[in-house]
Amino acid sequence: MNIEAIKARLKSLDIKGFRKLKLKRELYVIGKQCAFINKDTAIELIKEIYSLGFEIEDLNMSLELADKGLLDTVTIKPRNI
């Protein structure tokens, strides 16, 4: 998919932490625990990830945490088209 595009965008936003989970299904985690992402940056990042063809696990919860400035990690998976 567009993993390299996501990695490049994370680097430009100065967000550390991107890894693939070792599961049968394809999941990735963005960010580090307890390293909160800025509110505006988090909302922008969620929109960009969705536009690149990925689903965000617990999207509503992620948006609520981003709005409060408490978002630290985002779990994404490729969208089935």
Protein backbone atom coordinates (compact mmCIF):
# COMPACT_ATOMS: atom_id res chain seq x y z
CA MET A 1 0.00 0.00 0.00
CA ASN A 2 1.28 3.46 0.84
CA ILE A 3 3.37 2.58 3.88
CA GLU A 4 6.31 4.64 2.62
CA ALA A 5 4.06 7.69 2.15
CA ILE A 6 2.83 7.35 5.74
CA LYS A 7 6.39 6.98 7.06
CA ALA A 8 7.50 10.09 5.17
CA ARG A 9 4.56 12.10 6.51
CA LEU A 10 5.24 10.96 10.08
CA LYS A 11 8.85 12.04 9.73
CA SER A 12 7.79 15.49 8.47
CA LEU A 13 5.39 15.84 11.43
CA ASP A 14 8.18 14.72 13.82
CA ILE A 15 6.15 11.80 15.17
CA LYS A 16 8.31 8.97 16.42
CA GLY A 17 7.21 5.33 16.37
CA PHE A 18 5.90 3.23 13.50
CA ARG A 19 5.83 -0.54 13.67
CA LYS A 20 4.06 -3.54 12.22
CA LEU A 21 2.39 -5.86 14.70
CA LYS A 22 3.29 -9.53 14.46
CA LEU A 23 -0.19 -10.88 13.84
CA LYS A 24 -1.81 -12.87 11.04
CA ARG A 25 -3.73 -9.78 9.94
CA GLU A 26 -1.84 -6.68 8.86
CA LEU A 27 -1.84 -3.99 11.59
CA TYR A 28 0.46 -1.03 12.20
CA VAL A 29 0.88 1.20 15.25
CA ILE A 30 1.82 4.85 14.92
CA GLY A 31 3.25 6.77 17.88
CA LYS A 32 4.64 5.88 21.28
CA GLN A 33 2.77 5.33 24.50
CA CYS A 34 2.75 8.38 26.80
CA ALA A 35 4.17 10.63 24.05
CA PHE A 36 1.05 12.65 23.27
CA ILE A 37 0.50 14.03 19.78
CA ASN A 38 -0.54 17.67 19.38
CA LYS A 39 -4.30 18.15 18.82
CA ASP A 40 -4.06 19.75 15.36
CA THR A 41 -1.34 17.37 14.21
CA ALA A 42 -3.33 14.31 15.33
CA ILE A 43 -6.51 15.33 13.52
CA GLU A 44 -4.54 16.15 10.35
CA LEU A 45 -2.72 12.80 10.59
CA ILE A 46 -5.97 10.83 10.96
CA LYS A 47 -7.44 12.51 7.87
CA GLU A 48 -4.32 11.83 5.81
CA ILE A 49 -4.09 8.19 6.85
CA TYR A 50 -7.71 7.65 5.89
CA SER A 51 -7.18 9.32 2.50
CA LEU A 52 -4.18 7.05 1.79
CA GLY A 53 -6.40 3.96 1.95
CA PHE A 54 -6.14 2.78 5.54
CA GLU A 55 -8.76 2.19 8.24
CA ILE A 56 -8.22 3.47 11.76
CA GLU A 57 -9.13 1.13 14.59
CA ASP A 58 -11.53 2.82 17.05
CA LEU A 59 -11.84 5.94 14.91
CA ASN A 60 -14.35 7.68 17.19
CA MET A 61 -12.21 7.11 20.28
CA SER A 62 -9.10 8.33 18.46
CA LEU A 63 -10.86 11.52 17.40
CA GLU A 64 -12.13 12.15 20.94
CA LEU A 65 -8.66 11.65 22.41
CA ALA A 66 -7.12 13.86 19.70
CA ASP A 67 -9.65 16.60 20.49
CA LYS A 68 -8.59 16.50 24.16
CA GLY A 69 -4.88 16.34 23.28
CA LEU A 70 -4.48 12.88 24.82
CA LEU A 71 -3.86 10.78 21.69
CA ASP A 72 -0.57 8.89 21.83
CA THR A 73 -0.96 5.89 19.48
CA VAL A 74 -3.07 5.13 16.41
CA THR A 75 -3.66 1.60 15.12
CA ILE A 76 -4.24 1.32 11.38
CA LYS A 77 -4.90 -1.46 8.87
CA PRO A 78 -5.24 -1.52 5.07
CA ARG A 79 -8.75 -0.92 3.80
CA ASN A 80 -10.37 -3.81 1.91
CA ILE A 81 -11.54 -2.45 -1.41
